[in-house]
Amino acid sequence: MSGEVLSSLAAGERGRVVGFDLPPEQQQRLLEMGLTTGVEFQIIRYAPLGDPLDLKVRGYHLSIRKREASCIRVARL
């Protein structure tokens, strides 16, 4: 598994989700929004102050907080 987290990627980079380090209720919410283990994504942009960040996943845009992104383990593509 990769040691990187989603929040460490720059705008424009692509990755794949490899795991979560979140409480079950927060992880379930992300799973329901389509951010599942193995899914590929692209970081579109960070908000001007760095939070939230905009991802393109499964053909749509998803905004998540940087603190959540720092608990999602990813592999760069």
C-alpha atoms as a PDB file:
ATOM      1  CA  MET A   1       0.000   0.000   0.000  1.00  0.00           C
ATOM      2  CA  SER A   2       1.025   3.547  -0.638  1.00  0.00           C
ATOM      3  CA  GLY A   3       2.011   5.874   2.170  1.00  0.00           C
ATOM      4  CA  GLU A   4       0.526   8.907   0.413  1.00  0.00           C
ATOM      5  CA  VAL A   5      -2.693  10.651   1.288  1.00  0.00           C
ATOM      6  CA  LEU A   6      -5.129  12.392  -1.030  1.00  0.00           C
ATOM      7  CA  SER A   7      -4.339  15.857   0.338  1.00  0.00           C
ATOM      8  CA  SER A   8      -0.672  15.470  -0.701  1.00  0.00           C
ATOM      9  CA  LEU A   9      -1.496  15.424  -4.427  1.00  0.00           C
ATOM     10  CA  ALA A  10      -1.434  18.619  -6.489  1.00  0.00           C
ATOM     11  CA  ALA A  11      -4.183  19.964  -8.719  1.00  0.00           C
ATOM     12  CA  GLY A  12      -4.287  18.013 -11.986  1.00  0.00           C
ATOM     13  CA  GLU A  13      -2.818  14.827 -10.529  1.00  0.00           C
ATOM     14  CA  ARG A  14      -4.598  11.490 -10.787  1.00  0.00           C
ATOM     15  CA  GLY A  15      -4.747   8.704  -8.262  1.00  0.00           C
ATOM     16  CA  ARG A  16      -6.511   5.603  -7.001  1.00  0.00           C
ATOM     17  CA  VAL A  17      -8.014   5.168  -3.534  1.00  0.00           C
ATOM     18  CA  VAL A  18      -6.290   2.344  -1.615  1.00  0.00           C
ATOM     19  CA  GLY A  19      -7.776   2.789   1.873  1.00  0.00           C
ATOM     20  CA  PHE A  20      -9.244   4.969   4.587  1.00  0.00           C
ATOM     21  CA  ASP A  21      -8.177   6.048   8.078  1.00  0.00           C
ATOM     22  CA  LEU A  22     -11.539   7.538   9.040  1.00  0.00           C
ATOM     23  CA  PRO A  23     -14.210   6.749  11.625  1.00  0.00           C
ATOM     24  CA  PRO A  24     -16.832   4.351  10.194  1.00  0.00           C
ATOM     25  CA  GLU A  25     -19.570   6.993   9.819  1.00  0.00           C
ATOM     26  CA  GLN A  26     -17.305   9.365   7.849  1.00  0.00           C
ATOM     27  CA  GLN A  27     -15.982   6.513   5.710  1.00  0.00           C
ATOM     28  CA  GLN A  28     -19.541   5.343   4.964  1.00  0.00           C
ATOM     29  CA  ARG A  29     -20.522   8.853   3.825  1.00  0.00           C
ATOM     30  CA  LEU A  30     -17.611   8.937   1.341  1.00  0.00           C
ATOM     31  CA  LEU A  31     -18.438   5.437   0.110  1.00  0.00           C
ATOM     32  CA  GLU A  32     -22.038   6.523  -0.527  1.00  0.00           C
ATOM     33  CA  MET A  33     -20.734   9.439  -2.608  1.00  0.00           C
ATOM     34  CA  GLY A  34     -18.744   7.025  -4.805  1.00  0.00           C
ATOM     35  CA  LEU A  35     -15.283   7.390  -3.280  1.00  0.00           C
ATOM     36  CA  THR A  36     -14.656   3.655  -2.845  1.00  0.00           C
ATOM     37  CA  THR A  37     -11.472   1.613  -2.580  1.00  0.00           C
ATOM     38  CA  GLY A  38     -10.004   1.146  -6.065  1.00  0.00           C
ATOM     39  CA  VAL A  39     -11.771   4.081  -7.695  1.00  0.00           C
ATOM     40  CA  GLU A  40      -9.660   6.426  -9.822  1.00  0.00           C
ATOM     41  CA  PHE A  41      -9.945  10.185  -9.431  1.00  0.00           C
ATOM     42  CA  GLN A  42      -8.366  13.449 -10.542  1.00  0.00           C
ATOM     43  CA  ILE A  43      -7.827  16.495  -8.354  1.00  0.00           C
ATOM     44  CA  ILE A  44      -9.360  19.385 -10.264  1.00  0.00           C
ATOM     45  CA  ARG A  45      -8.527  22.270  -7.918  1.00  0.00           C
ATOM     46  CA  TYR A  46      -8.079  23.440  -4.379  1.00  0.00           C
ATOM     47  CA  ALA A  47     -10.177  26.340  -3.087  1.00  0.00           C
ATOM     48  CA  PRO A  48      -8.244  29.641  -2.767  1.00  0.00           C
ATOM     49  CA  LEU A  49      -7.531  29.021   0.931  1.00  0.00           C
ATOM     50  CA  GLY A  50      -6.794  25.325   0.286  1.00  0.00           C
ATOM     51  CA  ASP A  51     -10.050  23.915   1.628  1.00  0.00           C
ATOM     52  CA  PRO A  52     -12.132  22.226   0.281  1.00  0.00           C
ATOM     53  CA  LEU A  53     -10.686  20.397  -2.695  1.00  0.00           C
ATOM     54  CA  ASP A  54     -12.559  19.468  -5.864  1.00  0.00           C
ATOM     55  CA  LEU A  55     -12.198  15.905  -7.220  1.00  0.00           C
ATOM     56  CA  LYS A  56     -13.487  14.380 -10.402  1.00  0.00           C
ATOM     57  CA  VAL A  57     -14.576  10.847  -9.598  1.00  0.00           C
ATOM     58  CA  ARG A  58     -16.906   8.546 -11.573  1.00  0.00           C
ATOM     59  CA  GLY A  59     -17.672  11.367 -14.032  1.00  0.00           C
ATOM     60  CA  TYR A  60     -18.820  13.974 -11.516  1.00  0.00           C
ATOM     61  CA  HIS A  61     -17.258  16.542  -9.195  1.00  0.00           C
ATOM     62  CA  LEU A  62     -16.981  15.910  -5.470  1.00  0.00           C
ATOM     63  CA  SER A  63     -15.808  18.466  -2.908  1.00  0.00           C
ATOM     64  CA  ILE A  64     -14.275  17.213   0.322  1.00  0.00           C
ATOM     65  CA  ARG A  65     -12.550  18.867   3.247  1.00  0.00           C
ATOM     66  CA  LYS A  66      -8.776  18.756   3.454  1.00  0.00           C
ATOM     67  CA  ARG A  67      -8.939  17.062   6.874  1.00  0.00           C
ATOM     68  CA  GLU A  68     -10.946  14.202   5.309  1.00  0.00           C
ATOM     69  CA  ALA A  69      -8.563  14.064   2.333  1.00  0.00           C
ATOM     70  CA  SER A  70      -5.637  13.668   4.725  1.00  0.00           C
ATOM     71  CA  CYS A  71      -7.208  10.397   5.958  1.00  0.00           C
ATOM     72  CA  ILE A  72      -7.669   8.808   2.519  1.00  0.00           C
ATOM     73  CA  ARG A  73      -4.712   6.678   1.375  1.00  0.00           C
ATOM     74  CA  VAL A  74      -3.994   6.828  -2.356  1.00  0.00           C
ATOM     75  CA  ALA A  75      -1.625   5.625  -5.048  1.00  0.00           C
ATOM     76  CA  ARG A  76      -0.527   8.109  -7.731  1.00  0.00           C
ATOM     77  CA  LEU A  77      -1.287   7.206 -11.347  1.00  0.00           C
END
